[in-house]
Amino acid sequence: MNGQVVHLTNSNFDEIIRRNSLVLVDFYADWCMPCRMMAPVVEELAKELAGKVLVGKINVDENPDVADRFQVFSIPTLVIIKSGREVDRIIGFVPKSQVEARLKKYLE
């Protein structure tokens, strides 16, 4: 949790989730314009919440197994995972303030 966005894959996803108590996962695709609009928000949150929240991105085209497991049908989808289980989900582009407000409920 050094302020950098972690790139998640089918192979490293479970291990990274297991090692971190609070994770924000951005399910995205390179061709998706709302995903591109969400990217700077996700990067800012990674920096601002370093040490509190691990922020990761997973490309749904390259990693369909995890996307299927989480039933991600629309992108961008932000999933908040606390202690290994999904506790919240945000679908579509939303302002940074909305993501922050949802995350703050899960910070201890």
N, C-alpha and C. Protein backbone atom coordinates (compact mmCIF):
# COMPACT_ATOMS: atom_id res chain seq x y z
N MET A 1 0.84 -1.20 0.00
CA MET A 1 0.00 0.00 0.00
C MET A 1 0.88 1.25 0.00
N ASN A 2 1.61 1.41 -1.07
CA ASN A 2 2.56 2.52 -1.17
C ASN A 2 2.04 3.68 -1.99
N GLY A 3 0.76 3.70 -2.28
CA GLY A 3 0.21 4.79 -3.07
C GLY A 3 0.15 4.52 -4.55
N GLN A 4 0.63 3.36 -4.95
CA GLN A 4 0.59 2.97 -6.36
C GLN A 4 -0.60 2.05 -6.59
N VAL A 5 -1.19 2.14 -7.76
CA VAL A 5 -2.26 1.22 -8.15
C VAL A 5 -1.62 -0.13 -8.48
N VAL A 6 -2.13 -1.19 -7.90
CA VAL A 6 -1.61 -2.53 -8.13
C VAL A 6 -2.37 -3.16 -9.29
N HIS A 7 -1.64 -3.72 -10.24
CA HIS A 7 -2.28 -4.37 -11.38
C HIS A 7 -2.58 -5.82 -11.01
N LEU A 8 -3.86 -6.13 -10.96
CA LEU A 8 -4.31 -7.45 -10.56
C LEU A 8 -4.54 -8.33 -11.78
N THR A 9 -4.37 -9.64 -11.58
CA THR A 9 -4.58 -10.62 -12.65
C THR A 9 -5.32 -11.82 -12.06
N ASN A 10 -5.74 -12.72 -12.93
CA ASN A 10 -6.36 -13.96 -12.46
C ASN A 10 -5.44 -14.69 -11.48
N SER A 11 -4.13 -14.65 -11.75
CA SER A 11 -3.18 -15.43 -10.93
C SER A 11 -2.80 -14.77 -9.61
N ASN A 12 -2.78 -13.45 -9.52
CA ASN A 12 -2.36 -12.82 -8.26
C ASN A 12 -3.52 -12.27 -7.42
N PHE A 13 -4.72 -12.30 -7.94
CA PHE A 13 -5.86 -11.65 -7.30
C PHE A 13 -6.11 -12.16 -5.88
N ASP A 14 -6.28 -13.47 -5.72
CA ASP A 14 -6.64 -14.02 -4.41
C ASP A 14 -5.57 -13.73 -3.36
N GLU A 15 -4.31 -13.85 -3.73
CA GLU A 15 -3.21 -13.61 -2.79
C GLU A 15 -3.21 -12.14 -2.33
N ILE A 16 -3.37 -11.23 -3.25
CA ILE A 16 -3.36 -9.80 -2.88
C ILE A 16 -4.57 -9.46 -2.01
N ILE A 17 -5.73 -10.00 -2.34
CA ILE A 17 -6.92 -9.74 -1.53
C ILE A 17 -6.72 -10.29 -0.11
N ARG A 18 -6.15 -11.47 -0.03
CA ARG A 18 -5.93 -12.13 1.27
C ARG A 18 -4.96 -11.33 2.15
N ARG A 19 -3.96 -10.70 1.55
CA ARG A 19 -2.94 -9.98 2.31
C ARG A 19 -3.36 -8.58 2.74
N ASN A 20 -4.49 -8.08 2.27
CA ASN A 20 -4.90 -6.70 2.57
C ASN A 20 -6.32 -6.68 3.12
N SER A 21 -6.50 -5.94 4.21
CA SER A 21 -7.81 -5.96 4.86
C SER A 21 -8.86 -5.14 4.11
N LEU A 22 -8.46 -4.08 3.41
CA LEU A 22 -9.41 -3.26 2.66
C LEU A 22 -8.85 -2.99 1.27
N VAL A 23 -9.61 -3.39 0.25
CA VAL A 23 -9.14 -3.27 -1.13
C VAL A 23 -10.24 -2.65 -1.99
N LEU A 24 -9.85 -1.70 -2.82
CA LEU A 24 -10.73 -1.14 -3.85
C LEU A 24 -10.25 -1.70 -5.18
N VAL A 25 -11.12 -2.45 -5.87
CA VAL A 25 -10.75 -3.06 -7.15
C VAL A 25 -11.52 -2.37 -8.27
N ASP A 26 -10.78 -1.87 -9.24
CA ASP A 26 -11.36 -1.24 -10.43
C ASP A 26 -11.35 -2.26 -11.56
N PHE A 27 -12.55 -2.76 -11.92
CA PHE A 27 -12.70 -3.64 -13.07
C PHE A 27 -12.87 -2.75 -14.30
N TYR A 28 -11.98 -2.88 -15.28
CA TYR A 28 -11.97 -1.97 -16.42
C TYR A 28 -11.57 -2.68 -17.71
N ALA A 29 -11.66 -1.96 -18.82
CA ALA A 29 -11.11 -2.40 -20.11
C ALA A 29 -10.49 -1.18 -20.78
N ASP A 30 -9.44 -1.41 -21.55
CA ASP A 30 -8.73 -0.31 -22.22
C ASP A 30 -9.61 0.47 -23.18
N TRP A 31 -10.55 -0.20 -23.83
CA TRP A 31 -11.39 0.44 -24.85
C TRP A 31 -12.56 1.23 -24.26
N CYS A 32 -12.77 1.13 -22.97
CA CYS A 32 -13.95 1.71 -22.31
C CYS A 32 -13.69 3.17 -21.91
N MET A 33 -14.43 4.09 -22.52
CA MET A 33 -14.22 5.52 -22.24
C MET A 33 -14.56 5.89 -20.79
N PRO A 34 -15.68 5.44 -20.22
CA PRO A 34 -15.93 5.75 -18.81
C PRO A 34 -14.83 5.19 -17.89
N CYS A 35 -14.24 4.06 -18.28
CA CYS A 35 -13.12 3.49 -17.51
C CYS A 35 -11.92 4.43 -17.55
N ARG A 36 -11.66 4.99 -18.71
CA ARG A 36 -10.55 5.94 -18.86
C ARG A 36 -10.80 7.20 -18.03
N MET A 37 -12.06 7.61 -17.95
CA MET A 37 -12.40 8.78 -17.14
C MET A 37 -12.23 8.47 -15.65
N MET A 38 -12.46 7.23 -15.26
CA MET A 38 -12.36 6.82 -13.86
C MET A 38 -10.91 6.63 -13.42
N ALA A 39 -10.03 6.35 -14.36
CA ALA A 39 -8.63 6.03 -14.05
C ALA A 39 -7.92 7.08 -13.19
N PRO A 40 -8.01 8.38 -13.51
CA PRO A 40 -7.33 9.37 -12.67
C PRO A 40 -7.89 9.41 -11.24
N VAL A 41 -9.18 9.18 -11.11
CA VAL A 41 -9.81 9.15 -9.79
C VAL A 41 -9.23 8.00 -8.97
N VAL A 42 -9.13 6.84 -9.60
CA VAL A 42 -8.58 5.66 -8.92
C VAL A 42 -7.13 5.90 -8.51
N GLU A 43 -6.35 6.52 -9.39
CA GLU A 43 -4.94 6.80 -9.09
C GLU A 43 -4.81 7.80 -7.93
N GLU A 44 -5.65 8.82 -7.91
CA GLU A 44 -5.63 9.79 -6.81
C GLU A 44 -5.97 9.12 -5.49
N LEU A 45 -6.99 8.27 -5.50
CA LEU A 45 -7.39 7.57 -4.29
C LEU A 45 -6.28 6.67 -3.78
N ALA A 46 -5.56 6.02 -4.68
CA ALA A 46 -4.44 5.16 -4.28
C ALA A 46 -3.40 5.96 -3.51
N LYS A 47 -3.09 7.16 -4.00
CA LYS A 47 -2.10 8.02 -3.33
C LYS A 47 -2.63 8.55 -2.00
N GLU A 48 -3.85 9.04 -2.00
CA GLU A 48 -4.41 9.66 -0.81
C GLU A 48 -4.71 8.67 0.31
N LEU A 49 -5.02 7.44 -0.05
CA LEU A 49 -5.39 6.44 0.96
C LEU A 49 -4.29 5.40 1.18
N ALA A 50 -3.07 5.72 0.74
CA ALA A 50 -1.94 4.81 0.92
C ALA A 50 -1.80 4.46 2.40
N GLY A 51 -1.62 3.18 2.67
CA GLY A 51 -1.50 2.72 4.05
C GLY A 51 -2.84 2.36 4.68
N LYS A 52 -3.92 2.75 4.04
CA LYS A 52 -5.26 2.45 4.56
C LYS A 52 -6.04 1.52 3.64
N VAL A 53 -5.90 1.75 2.32
CA VAL A 53 -6.65 0.98 1.32
C VAL A 53 -5.69 0.60 0.20
N LEU A 54 -5.69 -0.67 -0.17
CA LEU A 54 -4.95 -1.07 -1.36
C LEU A 54 -5.88 -0.84 -2.55
N VAL A 55 -5.38 -0.17 -3.56
CA VAL A 55 -6.18 0.10 -4.76
C VAL A 55 -5.59 -0.71 -5.90
N GLY A 56 -6.44 -1.52 -6.52
CA GLY A 56 -6.00 -2.36 -7.63
C GLY A 56 -6.89 -2.20 -8.84
N LYS A 57 -6.34 -2.52 -9.99
CA LYS A 57 -7.09 -2.50 -11.26
C LYS A 57 -6.96 -3.87 -11.90
N ILE A 58 -8.07 -4.33 -12.50
CA ILE A 58 -8.02 -5.60 -13.21
C ILE A 58 -8.73 -5.44 -14.55
N ASN A 59 -8.02 -5.78 -15.61
CA ASN A 59 -8.55 -5.68 -16.97
C ASN A 59 -9.46 -6.88 -17.22
N VAL A 60 -10.74 -6.61 -17.45
CA VAL A 60 -11.72 -7.70 -17.61
C VAL A 60 -11.51 -8.51 -18.89
N ASP A 61 -10.93 -7.90 -19.92
CA ASP A 61 -10.67 -8.63 -21.15
C ASP A 61 -9.53 -9.63 -20.99
N GLU A 62 -8.53 -9.24 -20.22
CA GLU A 62 -7.36 -10.09 -20.01
C GLU A 62 -7.54 -11.07 -18.85
N ASN A 63 -8.50 -10.79 -17.96
CA ASN A 63 -8.69 -11.60 -16.75
C ASN A 63 -10.17 -11.91 -16.54
N PRO A 64 -10.76 -12.66 -17.47
CA PRO A 64 -12.20 -12.90 -17.40
C PRO A 64 -12.63 -13.76 -16.21
N ASP A 65 -11.73 -14.58 -15.67
CA ASP A 65 -12.11 -15.47 -14.56
C ASP A 65 -12.56 -14.68 -13.33
N VAL A 66 -11.78 -13.67 -12.95
CA VAL A 66 -12.14 -12.86 -11.78
C VAL A 66 -13.38 -12.04 -12.07
N ALA A 67 -13.48 -11.47 -13.27
CA ALA A 67 -14.66 -10.69 -13.65
C ALA A 67 -15.92 -11.57 -13.58
N ASP A 68 -15.81 -12.80 -14.05
CA ASP A 68 -16.95 -13.72 -13.98
C ASP A 68 -17.30 -14.06 -12.54
N ARG A 69 -16.29 -14.32 -11.75
CA ARG A 69 -16.51 -14.66 -10.34
C ARG A 69 -17.25 -13.56 -9.59
N PHE A 70 -16.93 -12.31 -9.92
CA PHE A 70 -17.58 -11.17 -9.27
C PHE A 70 -18.81 -10.70 -10.04
N GLN A 71 -19.17 -11.41 -11.09
CA GLN A 71 -20.33 -11.08 -11.91
C GLN A 71 -20.32 -9.62 -12.35
N VAL A 72 -19.20 -9.21 -12.92
CA VAL A 72 -19.05 -7.86 -13.46
C VAL A 72 -19.62 -7.86 -14.88
N PHE A 73 -20.75 -7.20 -15.04
CA PHE A 73 -21.43 -7.14 -16.34
C PHE A 73 -21.30 -5.78 -17.00
N SER A 74 -20.96 -4.75 -16.23
CA SER A 74 -20.79 -3.39 -16.74
C SER A 74 -19.47 -2.86 -16.21
N ILE A 75 -18.82 -2.04 -17.03
CA ILE A 75 -17.58 -1.42 -16.59
C ILE A 75 -17.65 0.08 -16.83
N PRO A 76 -16.97 0.86 -16.02
CA PRO A 76 -16.18 0.42 -14.88
C PRO A 76 -17.06 -0.04 -13.72
N THR A 77 -16.55 -1.00 -12.99
CA THR A 77 -17.16 -1.43 -11.73
C THR A 77 -16.09 -1.36 -10.67
N LEU A 78 -16.38 -0.66 -9.59
CA LEU A 78 -15.47 -0.59 -8.45
C LEU A 78 -16.05 -1.48 -7.36
N VAL A 79 -15.25 -2.41 -6.88
CA VAL A 79 -15.69 -3.32 -5.82
C VAL A 79 -14.83 -3.06 -4.59
N ILE A 80 -15.49 -2.87 -3.47
CA ILE A 80 -14.79 -2.69 -2.19
C ILE A 80 -14.82 -4.03 -1.48
N ILE A 81 -13.63 -4.52 -1.13
CA ILE A 81 -13.49 -5.82 -0.48
C ILE A 81 -12.86 -5.59 0.89
N LYS A 82 -13.55 -6.05 1.93
CA LYS A 82 -13.04 -5.93 3.30
C LYS A 82 -12.93 -7.34 3.88
N SER A 83 -11.77 -7.64 4.40
CA SER A 83 -11.50 -8.95 5.00
C SER A 83 -11.87 -10.09 4.06
N GLY A 84 -11.57 -9.92 2.78
CA GLY A 84 -11.75 -10.98 1.81
C GLY A 84 -13.12 -11.12 1.19
N ARG A 85 -14.08 -10.28 1.60
CA ARG A 85 -15.41 -10.41 0.99
C ARG A 85 -15.90 -9.05 0.50
N GLU A 86 -16.69 -9.09 -0.57
CA GLU A 86 -17.24 -7.87 -1.15
C GLU A 86 -18.23 -7.24 -0.18
N VAL A 87 -18.04 -5.94 0.08
CA VAL A 87 -18.95 -5.22 0.97
C VAL A 87 -19.69 -4.09 0.26
N ASP A 88 -19.21 -3.68 -0.91
CA ASP A 88 -19.86 -2.59 -1.63
C ASP A 88 -19.43 -2.64 -3.09
N ARG A 89 -20.24 -1.98 -3.94
CA ARG A 89 -19.98 -1.98 -5.38
C ARG A 89 -20.50 -0.67 -5.96
N ILE A 90 -19.70 -0.09 -6.85
CA ILE A 90 -20.08 1.13 -7.56
C ILE A 90 -19.95 0.83 -9.05
N ILE A 91 -21.02 1.06 -9.79
CA ILE A 91 -21.00 0.76 -11.23
C ILE A 91 -21.09 2.07 -12.01
N GLY A 92 -20.21 2.19 -13.01
CA GLY A 92 -20.21 3.38 -13.85
C GLY A 92 -19.28 4.46 -13.33
N PHE A 93 -19.14 5.50 -14.12
CA PHE A 93 -18.31 6.63 -13.71
C PHE A 93 -19.03 7.43 -12.65
N VAL A 94 -18.35 7.69 -11.55
CA VAL A 94 -18.89 8.54 -10.48
C VAL A 94 -17.79 9.49 -10.03
N PRO A 95 -18.17 10.63 -9.44
CA PRO A 95 -17.16 11.55 -8.94
C PRO A 95 -16.35 10.94 -7.79
N LYS A 96 -15.15 11.44 -7.65
CA LYS A 96 -14.24 10.97 -6.59
C LYS A 96 -14.89 11.04 -5.21
N SER A 97 -15.65 12.09 -4.96
CA SER A 97 -16.26 12.28 -3.65
C SER A 97 -17.20 11.12 -3.29
N GLN A 98 -17.89 10.57 -4.28
CA GLN A 98 -18.79 9.44 -4.02
C GLN A 98 -18.01 8.18 -3.66
N VAL A 99 -16.91 7.95 -4.34
CA VAL A 99 -16.08 6.78 -4.04
C VAL A 99 -15.49 6.94 -2.65
N GLU A 100 -14.98 8.13 -2.33
CA GLU A 100 -14.41 8.38 -1.00
C GLU A 100 -15.44 8.15 0.09
N ALA A 101 -16.64 8.65 -0.10
CA ALA A 101 -17.70 8.50 0.91
C ALA A 101 -18.01 7.04 1.15
N ARG A 102 -18.06 6.24 0.10
CA ARG A 102 -18.36 4.81 0.26
C ARG A 102 -17.20 4.10 0.97
N LEU A 103 -15.97 4.46 0.59
CA LEU A 103 -14.79 3.82 1.22
C LEU A 103 -14.67 4.15 2.70
N LYS A 104 -14.99 5.39 3.06
CA LYS A 104 -14.82 5.82 4.45
C LYS A 104 -15.66 5.00 5.42
N LYS A 105 -16.77 4.44 4.94
CA LYS A 105 -17.60 3.60 5.81
C LYS A 105 -16.85 2.36 6.28
N TYR A 106 -15.84 1.94 5.51
CA TYR A 106 -15.15 0.69 5.81
C TYR A 106 -13.76 0.88 6.41
N LEU A 107 -13.33 2.13 6.54
CA LEU A 107 -12.03 2.40 7.16
C LEU A 107 -12.18 2.29 8.68
N GLU A 108 -11.22 1.64 9.28
CA GLU A 108 -11.28 1.50 10.75
C GLU A 108 -10.30 2.43 11.40
